[in-house]
């Protein structure tokens, strides 16, 4: 079988042979589950590639009307896997630049999927995990979890969605508070600030997600796709104007003492 499709035709999930994610289709819903619970669903390169491919497949499948993104285990996602960063990217700006390309491609595939997306935030969302849930159209979060950004403590500028989208979602002052102080934002506060749509007890998480899926799936697909395209205008403007620069700057920052020492301190503590 050719490694690349000859036509934009969706495939059964099992044929895609994913290892870092679970991809399920139960029309009108597709569910993408980050499946590295042993590291709190941290991104590695393969996971990013698999997420992008799953989003591409879902975008091609006319039976799928809504895509749900969630995590396995007790976390939604904690962003980049700093252990693999330390081994593969610190001091290696060319390799980091390639990694960030996969991160950017994943985000573009998700935002441009052409159908509504719902983040089922089943646990903590840290760093790139919060950027992932922000990239979705709607978000439902368990009320005993939190959102946090730690880039300024770990040697990474949160410019993979946070600096671009937080000011749009929560306002400039709150965005600065979240990113500069690196404090936890409890789920209820995230709901109040507009960072997620709903914060609910764990027992109600699936029923609220199901409610959103049912409502979204009943809408006209072409009309909702273009509505989403228009809604994305501000996010796309800030993203495309800054993410290429961020990719280059962050790659070069992997050469610096600040990033290298911060990541190593974190790994030694862990």
C-alpha atoms as a PDB file:
ATOM      1  CA  UNK A   1       0.000   0.000   0.000  1.00  0.00           C
ATOM      2  CA  UNK A   2       1.279   3.442  -0.904  1.00  0.00           C
ATOM      3  CA  UNK A   3       2.405   5.470   2.155  1.00  0.00           C
ATOM      4  CA  UNK A   4       0.612   8.484   0.694  1.00  0.00           C
ATOM      5  CA  UNK A   5      -3.018   8.468  -0.500  1.00  0.00           C
ATOM      6  CA  UNK A   6      -3.753   8.941  -4.194  1.00  0.00           C
ATOM      7  CA  UNK A   7      -7.045  10.666  -3.438  1.00  0.00           C
ATOM      8  CA  UNK A   8      -8.491  12.549  -0.412  1.00  0.00           C
ATOM      9  CA  UNK A   9     -10.409   9.489   0.717  1.00  0.00           C
ATOM     10  CA  UNK A  10     -10.794   8.690   4.444  1.00  0.00           C
ATOM     11  CA  UNK A  11      -9.591   5.374   5.792  1.00  0.00           C
ATOM     12  CA  UNK A  12     -10.658   3.114   8.644  1.00  0.00           C
ATOM     13  CA  UNK A  13      -8.716   4.170  11.766  1.00  0.00           C
ATOM     14  CA  UNK A  14      -7.066   0.764  12.188  1.00  0.00           C
ATOM     15  CA  UNK A  15      -5.414   1.096   8.770  1.00  0.00           C
ATOM     16  CA  UNK A  16      -3.592   4.212   9.905  1.00  0.00           C
ATOM     17  CA  UNK A  17      -1.685   2.205  12.543  1.00  0.00           C
ATOM     18  CA  UNK A  18      -1.287   5.017  15.053  1.00  0.00           C
ATOM     19  CA  UNK A  19       0.898   4.356  18.108  1.00  0.00           C
ATOM     20  CA  UNK A  20       0.743   7.591  20.124  1.00  0.00           C
ATOM     21  CA  UNK A  21      -2.935   8.382  19.725  1.00  0.00           C
ATOM     22  CA  UNK A  22      -6.244   6.524  19.526  1.00  0.00           C
ATOM     23  CA  UNK A  23      -8.464   7.498  16.626  1.00  0.00           C
ATOM     24  CA  UNK A  24     -12.076   6.353  16.606  1.00  0.00           C
ATOM     25  CA  UNK A  25     -14.985   7.048  14.314  1.00  0.00           C
ATOM     26  CA  UNK A  26     -18.586   6.671  15.399  1.00  0.00           C
ATOM     27  CA  UNK A  27     -20.366   8.944  12.906  1.00  0.00           C
ATOM     28  CA  UNK A  28     -21.177  11.731  13.194  1.00  0.00           C
ATOM     29  CA  UNK A  29     -18.300  11.923  15.692  1.00  0.00           C
ATOM     30  CA  UNK A  30     -14.611  11.213  15.464  1.00  0.00           C
ATOM     31  CA  UNK A  31     -12.561  11.094  18.662  1.00  0.00           C
ATOM     32  CA  UNK A  32      -8.823  11.689  18.844  1.00  0.00           C
ATOM     33  CA  UNK A  33      -7.298  10.593  22.157  1.00  0.00           C
ATOM     34  CA  UNK A  34      -3.739  11.492  23.086  1.00  0.00           C
ATOM     35  CA  UNK A  35      -2.471   8.157  24.373  1.00  0.00           C
ATOM     36  CA  UNK A  36       0.750   8.568  26.326  1.00  0.00           C
ATOM     37  CA  UNK A  37      -0.698   8.569  29.848  1.00  0.00           C
ATOM     38  CA  UNK A  38       2.622   7.516  31.369  1.00  0.00           C
ATOM     39  CA  UNK A  39       4.004  10.984  30.500  1.00  0.00           C
ATOM     40  CA  UNK A  40       0.689  12.843  30.932  1.00  0.00           C
ATOM     41  CA  UNK A  41       0.180  12.830  27.158  1.00  0.00           C
ATOM     42  CA  UNK A  42       3.217  14.974  26.429  1.00  0.00           C
ATOM     43  CA  UNK A  43       3.928  15.597  22.752  1.00  0.00           C
ATOM     44  CA  UNK A  44       6.741  13.821  21.010  1.00  0.00           C
ATOM     45  CA  UNK A  45       7.441  14.081  17.289  1.00  0.00           C
ATOM     46  CA  UNK A  46       5.459  10.981  16.333  1.00  0.00           C
ATOM     47  CA  UNK A  47       2.416  12.092  18.310  1.00  0.00           C
ATOM     48  CA  UNK A  48       2.412  15.431  16.511  1.00  0.00           C
ATOM     49  CA  UNK A  49       2.571  13.679  13.140  1.00  0.00           C
ATOM     50  CA  UNK A  50      -0.210  11.292  14.085  1.00  0.00           C
ATOM     51  CA  UNK A  51      -2.452  14.094  15.325  1.00  0.00           C
ATOM     52  CA  UNK A  52      -1.998  15.933  12.025  1.00  0.00           C
ATOM     53  CA  UNK A  53      -2.777  12.789  10.007  1.00  0.00           C
ATOM     54  CA  UNK A  54      -5.900  12.026  12.067  1.00  0.00           C
ATOM     55  CA  UNK A  55      -7.167  15.572  11.546  1.00  0.00           C
ATOM     56  CA  UNK A  56      -6.528  15.260   7.827  1.00  0.00           C
ATOM     57  CA  UNK A  57      -8.457  11.981   7.670  1.00  0.00           C
ATOM     58  CA  UNK A  58     -11.375  13.415   9.649  1.00  0.00           C
ATOM     59  CA  UNK A  59     -11.489  16.427   7.351  1.00  0.00           C
ATOM     60  CA  UNK A  60     -11.891  14.091   4.364  1.00  0.00           C
ATOM     61  CA  UNK A  61     -14.663  12.002   5.929  1.00  0.00           C
ATOM     62  CA  UNK A  62     -18.078  13.407   5.065  1.00  0.00           C
ATOM     63  CA  UNK A  63     -19.739  11.125   7.617  1.00  0.00           C
ATOM     64  CA  UNK A  64     -17.830  12.892  10.387  1.00  0.00           C
ATOM     65  CA  UNK A  65     -19.470  16.139  11.454  1.00  0.00           C
ATOM     66  CA  UNK A  66     -17.681  16.849  14.768  1.00  0.00           C
ATOM     67  CA  UNK A  67     -14.219  15.961  16.109  1.00  0.00           C
ATOM     68  CA  UNK A  68     -13.561  15.524  19.832  1.00  0.00           C
ATOM     69  CA  UNK A  69      -9.991  15.825  21.173  1.00  0.00           C
ATOM     70  CA  UNK A  70      -9.163  14.366  24.584  1.00  0.00           C
ATOM     71  CA  UNK A  71      -6.451  12.658  26.622  1.00  0.00           C
ATOM     72  CA  UNK A  72      -5.980   9.215  28.137  1.00  0.00           C
ATOM     73  CA  UNK A  73      -5.542   8.860  31.878  1.00  0.00           C
ATOM     74  CA  UNK A  74      -5.475  11.695  34.380  1.00  0.00           C
ATOM     75  CA  UNK A  75      -4.203  14.507  32.132  1.00  0.00           C
ATOM     76  CA  UNK A  76      -5.375  16.167  28.961  1.00  0.00           C
ATOM     77  CA  UNK A  77      -1.890  17.133  27.809  1.00  0.00           C
ATOM     78  CA  UNK A  78       1.162  18.768  29.392  1.00  0.00           C
ATOM     79  CA  UNK A  79       2.741  20.050  26.196  1.00  0.00           C
ATOM     80  CA  UNK A  80       6.148  19.034  24.906  1.00  0.00           C
ATOM     81  CA  UNK A  81       7.966  16.009  26.295  1.00  0.00           C
ATOM     82  CA  UNK A  82      10.942  17.708  27.947  1.00  0.00           C
ATOM     83  CA  UNK A  83      12.805  14.428  28.307  1.00  0.00           C
ATOM     84  CA  UNK A  84      12.865  13.938  24.541  1.00  0.00           C
ATOM     85  CA  UNK A  85      13.641  17.632  24.124  1.00  0.00           C
ATOM     86  CA  UNK A  86      16.703  17.267  26.310  1.00  0.00           C
ATOM     87  CA  UNK A  87      17.934  14.269  24.361  1.00  0.00           C
ATOM     88  CA  UNK A  88      17.050  15.362  20.835  1.00  0.00           C
ATOM     89  CA  UNK A  89      16.808  19.149  20.604  1.00  0.00           C
ATOM     90  CA  UNK A  90      18.780  21.050  23.251  1.00  0.00           C
ATOM     91  CA  UNK A  91      21.825  22.498  21.563  1.00  0.00           C
ATOM     92  CA  UNK A  92      20.479  21.344  18.186  1.00  0.00           C
ATOM     93  CA  UNK A  93      18.585  24.256  16.620  1.00  0.00           C
ATOM     94  CA  UNK A  94      18.209  22.579  13.239  1.00  0.00           C
ATOM     95  CA  UNK A  95      16.532  19.564  14.806  1.00  0.00           C
ATOM     96  CA  UNK A  96      14.265  21.727  16.982  1.00  0.00           C
ATOM     97  CA  UNK A  97      13.229  23.733  13.916  1.00  0.00           C
ATOM     98  CA  UNK A  98      12.066  20.460  12.324  1.00  0.00           C
ATOM     99  CA  UNK A  99      10.175  19.462  15.493  1.00  0.00           C
ATOM    100  CA  UNK A 100       8.404  22.798  15.622  1.00  0.00           C
ATOM    101  CA  UNK A 101       7.395  22.346  11.997  1.00  0.00           C
ATOM    102  CA  UNK A 102       5.496  19.200  13.017  1.00  0.00           C
ATOM    103  CA  UNK A 103       3.913  21.116  15.916  1.00  0.00           C
ATOM    104  CA  UNK A 104       2.810  23.907  13.590  1.00  0.00           C
ATOM    105  CA  UNK A 105       1.467  21.452  11.026  1.00  0.00           C
ATOM    106  CA  UNK A 106      -0.594  19.698  13.706  1.00  0.00           C
ATOM    107  CA  UNK A 107      -2.156  23.003  14.744  1.00  0.00           C
ATOM    108  CA  UNK A 108      -2.887  24.016  11.166  1.00  0.00           C
ATOM    109  CA  UNK A 109      -4.529  20.662  10.396  1.00  0.00           C
ATOM    110  CA  UNK A 110      -6.679  20.952  13.521  1.00  0.00           C
ATOM    111  CA  UNK A 111      -7.759  24.561  13.011  1.00  0.00           C
ATOM    112  CA  UNK A 112      -8.388  24.034   9.288  1.00  0.00           C
ATOM    113  CA  UNK A 113     -10.227  20.714   9.672  1.00  0.00           C
ATOM    114  CA  UNK A 114     -13.391  22.225   8.195  1.00  0.00           C
ATOM    115  CA  UNK A 115     -15.752  20.975  10.904  1.00  0.00           C
ATOM    116  CA  UNK A 116     -16.391  21.828  14.552  1.00  0.00           C
ATOM    117  CA  UNK A 117     -13.975  20.561  17.198  1.00  0.00           C
ATOM    118  CA  UNK A 118     -14.575  20.048  20.908  1.00  0.00           C
ATOM    119  CA  UNK A 119     -11.799  19.706  23.488  1.00  0.00           C
ATOM    120  CA  UNK A 120     -12.781  17.196  26.175  1.00  0.00           C
ATOM    121  CA  UNK A 121     -10.344  18.399  28.828  1.00  0.00           C
ATOM    122  CA  UNK A 122     -10.276  15.404  31.161  1.00  0.00           C
ATOM    123  CA  UNK A 123      -7.407  16.643  33.345  1.00  0.00           C
ATOM    124  CA  UNK A 124      -4.658  19.221  33.568  1.00  0.00           C
ATOM    125  CA  UNK A 125      -3.730  21.189  30.453  1.00  0.00           C
ATOM    126  CA  UNK A 126      -0.244  22.645  30.682  1.00  0.00           C
ATOM    127  CA  UNK A 127       1.705  24.645  28.095  1.00  0.00           C
ATOM    128  CA  UNK A 128       1.107  23.145  24.684  1.00  0.00           C
ATOM    129  CA  UNK A 129      -1.816  21.247  26.180  1.00  0.00           C
ATOM    130  CA  UNK A 130      -3.641  24.510  26.756  1.00  0.00           C
ATOM    131  CA  UNK A 131      -2.674  25.638  23.263  1.00  0.00           C
ATOM    132  CA  UNK A 132      -4.208  22.423  21.940  1.00  0.00           C
ATOM    133  CA  UNK A 133      -7.526  22.983  23.716  1.00  0.00           C
ATOM    134  CA  UNK A 134      -7.563  26.622  22.601  1.00  0.00           C
ATOM    135  CA  UNK A 135      -7.171  25.475  18.999  1.00  0.00           C
ATOM    136  CA  UNK A 136     -10.509  23.669  19.309  1.00  0.00           C
ATOM    137  CA  UNK A 137     -13.774  25.525  18.821  1.00  0.00           C
ATOM    138  CA  UNK A 138     -15.334  24.594  22.161  1.00  0.00           C
ATOM    139  CA  UNK A 139     -13.914  23.152  25.381  1.00  0.00           C
ATOM    140  CA  UNK A 140     -15.425  21.285  28.312  1.00  0.00           C
ATOM    141  CA  UNK A 141     -13.158  20.765  31.332  1.00  0.00           C
ATOM    142  CA  UNK A 142     -13.376  18.714  34.507  1.00  0.00           C
ATOM    143  CA  UNK A 143     -13.770  21.053  37.446  1.00  0.00           C
ATOM    144  CA  UNK A 144     -10.942  19.582  39.551  1.00  0.00           C
ATOM    145  CA  UNK A 145      -8.213  20.272  36.967  1.00  0.00           C
ATOM    146  CA  UNK A 146      -6.283  23.395  36.048  1.00  0.00           C
ATOM    147  CA  UNK A 147      -4.606  25.181  33.165  1.00  0.00           C
ATOM    148  CA  UNK A 148      -1.077  26.472  33.454  1.00  0.00           C
ATOM    149  CA  UNK A 149       1.768  27.810  31.346  1.00  0.00           C
ATOM    150  CA  UNK A 150       5.333  27.181  32.455  1.00  0.00           C
ATOM    151  CA  UNK A 151       7.423  28.264  29.461  1.00  0.00           C
ATOM    152  CA  UNK A 152       9.127  31.223  31.180  1.00  0.00           C
ATOM    153  CA  UNK A 153      10.220  28.816  33.952  1.00  0.00           C
ATOM    154  CA  UNK A 154      11.400  26.073  31.592  1.00  0.00           C
ATOM    155  CA  UNK A 155      13.205  28.054  28.930  1.00  0.00           C
ATOM    156  CA  UNK A 156      10.525  28.163  26.234  1.00  0.00           C
ATOM    157  CA  UNK A 157       8.477  31.128  25.071  1.00  0.00           C
ATOM    158  CA  UNK A 158       4.801  30.007  24.847  1.00  0.00           C
ATOM    159  CA  UNK A 159       4.485  31.185  21.252  1.00  0.00           C
ATOM    160  CA  UNK A 160       2.859  28.035  19.860  1.00  0.00           C
ATOM    161  CA  UNK A 161      -0.626  29.479  20.314  1.00  0.00           C
ATOM    162  CA  UNK A 162      -0.641  31.016  23.792  1.00  0.00           C
ATOM    163  CA  UNK A 163       0.881  34.417  23.034  1.00  0.00           C
ATOM    164  CA  UNK A 164      -1.291  34.601  19.928  1.00  0.00           C
ATOM    165  CA  UNK A 165      -4.666  33.412  21.243  1.00  0.00           C
ATOM    166  CA  UNK A 166      -4.839  34.061  24.972  1.00  0.00           C
ATOM    167  CA  UNK A 167      -5.283  37.848  24.532  1.00  0.00           C
ATOM    168  CA  UNK A 168      -8.184  37.126  22.170  1.00  0.00           C
ATOM    169  CA  UNK A 169      -9.851  34.652  24.535  1.00  0.00           C
ATOM    170  CA  UNK A 170      -9.301  36.234  27.956  1.00  0.00           C
ATOM    171  CA  UNK A 171      -8.065  39.773  27.279  1.00  0.00           C
ATOM    172  CA  UNK A 172      -4.598  41.291  27.375  1.00  0.00           C
ATOM    173  CA  UNK A 173      -4.170  41.716  31.140  1.00  0.00           C
ATOM    174  CA  UNK A 174      -5.305  38.205  32.005  1.00  0.00           C
ATOM    175  CA  UNK A 175      -3.170  36.749  29.218  1.00  0.00           C
ATOM    176  CA  UNK A 176      -0.129  38.488  30.699  1.00  0.00           C
ATOM    177  CA  UNK A 177      -1.017  37.210  34.166  1.00  0.00           C
ATOM    178  CA  UNK A 178      -1.284  33.617  32.906  1.00  0.00           C
ATOM    179  CA  UNK A 179       1.916  33.662  30.856  1.00  0.00           C
ATOM    180  CA  UNK A 180       4.196  35.807  33.003  1.00  0.00           C
ATOM    181  CA  UNK A 181       3.282  34.472  36.461  1.00  0.00           C
ATOM    182  CA  UNK A 182       2.906  30.806  35.428  1.00  0.00           C
ATOM    183  CA  UNK A 183       0.247  30.289  38.097  1.00  0.00           C
ATOM    184  CA  UNK A 184      -2.387  27.566  37.930  1.00  0.00           C
ATOM    185  CA  UNK A 185      -5.768  28.658  36.583  1.00  0.00           C
ATOM    186  CA  UNK A 186      -8.413  26.429  38.204  1.00  0.00           C
ATOM    187  CA  UNK A 187     -11.131  25.104  35.921  1.00  0.00           C
ATOM    188  CA  UNK A 188     -13.870  27.295  37.377  1.00  0.00           C
ATOM    189  CA  UNK A 189     -11.724  30.385  36.901  1.00  0.00           C
ATOM    190  CA  UNK A 190     -10.921  29.266  33.356  1.00  0.00           C
ATOM    191  CA  UNK A 191     -14.650  29.055  32.697  1.00  0.00           C
ATOM    192  CA  UNK A 192     -15.264  32.488  34.210  1.00  0.00           C
ATOM    193  CA  UNK A 193     -12.474  34.008  32.113  1.00  0.00           C
ATOM    194  CA  UNK A 194     -13.706  32.388  28.875  1.00  0.00           C
ATOM    195  CA  UNK A 195     -10.734  30.075  28.506  1.00  0.00           C
ATOM    196  CA  UNK A 196     -13.113  27.088  28.384  1.00  0.00           C
ATOM    197  CA  UNK A 197     -16.866  26.978  27.777  1.00  0.00           C
ATOM    198  CA  UNK A 198     -17.822  24.766  30.695  1.00  0.00           C
ATOM    199  CA  UNK A 199     -16.188  23.407  33.866  1.00  0.00           C
ATOM    200  CA  UNK A 200     -18.133  20.404  35.116  1.00  0.00           C
ATOM    201  CA  UNK A 201     -17.773  17.513  37.564  1.00  0.00           C
ATOM    202  CA  UNK A 202     -16.039  14.481  36.055  1.00  0.00           C
ATOM    203  CA  UNK A 203     -19.295  12.511  36.175  1.00  0.00           C
ATOM    204  CA  UNK A 204     -20.896  15.082  33.856  1.00  0.00           C
ATOM    205  CA  UNK A 205     -18.014  15.530  31.428  1.00  0.00           C
ATOM    206  CA  UNK A 206     -19.200  13.066  28.798  1.00  0.00           C
ATOM    207  CA  UNK A 207     -22.833  14.144  28.897  1.00  0.00           C
ATOM    208  CA  UNK A 208     -21.892  17.783  28.301  1.00  0.00           C
ATOM    209  CA  UNK A 209     -19.516  16.825  25.474  1.00  0.00           C
ATOM    210  CA  UNK A 210     -22.287  14.666  23.999  1.00  0.00           C
ATOM    211  CA  UNK A 211     -24.643  17.641  24.176  1.00  0.00           C
ATOM    212  CA  UNK A 212     -22.237  19.832  22.204  1.00  0.00           C
ATOM    213  CA  UNK A 213     -21.577  17.068  19.660  1.00  0.00           C
ATOM    214  CA  UNK A 214     -25.282  16.479  19.103  1.00  0.00           C
ATOM    215  CA  UNK A 215     -26.018  20.171  18.649  1.00  0.00           C
ATOM    216  CA  UNK A 216     -23.061  20.761  16.334  1.00  0.00           C
ATOM    217  CA  UNK A 217     -23.723  17.661  14.228  1.00  0.00           C
ATOM    218  CA  UNK A 218     -27.245  18.905  13.458  1.00  0.00           C
ATOM    219  CA  UNK A 219     -25.974  22.026  11.687  1.00  0.00           C
ATOM    220  CA  UNK A 220     -25.448  22.391   7.936  1.00  0.00           C
ATOM    221  CA  UNK A 221     -21.864  21.272   7.261  1.00  0.00           C
ATOM    222  CA  UNK A 222     -20.920  23.751   4.529  1.00  0.00           C
ATOM    223  CA  UNK A 223     -22.448  26.677   6.379  1.00  0.00           C
ATOM    224  CA  UNK A 224     -20.808  25.790   9.683  1.00  0.00           C
ATOM    225  CA  UNK A 225     -17.468  25.276   7.952  1.00  0.00           C
ATOM    226  CA  UNK A 226     -17.504  28.783   6.544  1.00  0.00           C
ATOM    227  CA  UNK A 227     -18.800  30.241   9.800  1.00  0.00           C
ATOM    228  CA  UNK A 228     -15.797  28.669  11.496  1.00  0.00           C
ATOM    229  CA  UNK A 229     -13.489  30.054   8.806  1.00  0.00           C
ATOM    230  CA  UNK A 230     -14.761  33.559   9.488  1.00  0.00           C
ATOM    231  CA  UNK A 231     -14.513  33.119  13.265  1.00  0.00           C
ATOM    232  CA  UNK A 232     -10.903  32.007  12.870  1.00  0.00           C
ATOM    233  CA  UNK A 233      -9.882  35.298  11.254  1.00  0.00           C
ATOM    234  CA  UNK A 234      -8.401  36.959  14.358  1.00  0.00           C
ATOM    235  CA  UNK A 235      -6.673  33.772  15.503  1.00  0.00           C
ATOM    236  CA  UNK A 236      -5.264  33.107  12.041  1.00  0.00           C
ATOM    237  CA  UNK A 237      -4.035  36.673  11.703  1.00  0.00           C
ATOM    238  CA  UNK A 238      -2.060  36.562  14.943  1.00  0.00           C
ATOM    239  CA  UNK A 239      -0.855  32.990  14.308  1.00  0.00           C
ATOM    240  CA  UNK A 240       0.428  33.416  10.774  1.00  0.00           C
ATOM    241  CA  UNK A 241       2.057  36.763  11.521  1.00  0.00           C
ATOM    242  CA  UNK A 242       4.115  35.364  14.401  1.00  0.00           C
ATOM    243  CA  UNK A 243       4.547  31.589  14.341  1.00  0.00           C
ATOM    244  CA  UNK A 244       7.280  31.464  11.680  1.00  0.00           C
ATOM    245  CA  UNK A 245       9.352  33.982  13.617  1.00  0.00           C
ATOM    246  CA  UNK A 246       8.705  32.035  16.825  1.00  0.00           C
ATOM    247  CA  UNK A 247       9.877  28.846  15.168  1.00  0.00           C
ATOM    248  CA  UNK A 248      13.198  30.380  14.177  1.00  0.00           C
ATOM    249  CA  UNK A 249      13.780  32.196  17.478  1.00  0.00           C
ATOM    250  CA  UNK A 250      12.920  29.178  19.605  1.00  0.00           C
ATOM    251  CA  UNK A 251      15.192  26.983  17.494  1.00  0.00           C
ATOM    252  CA  UNK A 252      18.123  29.328  18.072  1.00  0.00           C
ATOM    253  CA  UNK A 253      17.269  29.592  21.773  1.00  0.00           C
ATOM    254  CA  UNK A 254      18.108  25.877  22.114  1.00  0.00           C
ATOM    255  CA  UNK A 255      21.760  26.940  21.869  1.00  0.00           C
ATOM    256  CA  UNK A 256      21.530  29.227  24.890  1.00  0.00           C
ATOM    257  CA  UNK A 257      22.435  28.501  28.482  1.00  0.00           C
ATOM    258  CA  UNK A 258      19.045  29.675  29.743  1.00  0.00           C
ATOM    259  CA  UNK A 259      16.971  27.064  27.912  1.00  0.00           C
ATOM    260  CA  UNK A 260      19.453  24.248  28.435  1.00  0.00           C
ATOM    261  CA  UNK A 261      19.903  24.819  32.159  1.00  0.00           C
ATOM    262  CA  UNK A 262      16.151  25.282  32.751  1.00  0.00           C
ATOM    263  CA  UNK A 263      15.229  22.005  31.058  1.00  0.00           C
ATOM    264  CA  UNK A 264      17.981  20.109  32.840  1.00  0.00           C
ATOM    265  CA  UNK A 265      16.914  21.502  36.226  1.00  0.00           C
ATOM    266  CA  UNK A 266      13.378  20.352  35.536  1.00  0.00           C
ATOM    267  CA  UNK A 267      14.494  16.860  34.592  1.00  0.00           C
ATOM    268  CA  UNK A 268      16.753  16.577  37.635  1.00  0.00           C
ATOM    269  CA  UNK A 269      13.894  17.635  39.896  1.00  0.00           C
ATOM    270  CA  UNK A 270      11.515  15.209  38.199  1.00  0.00           C
END
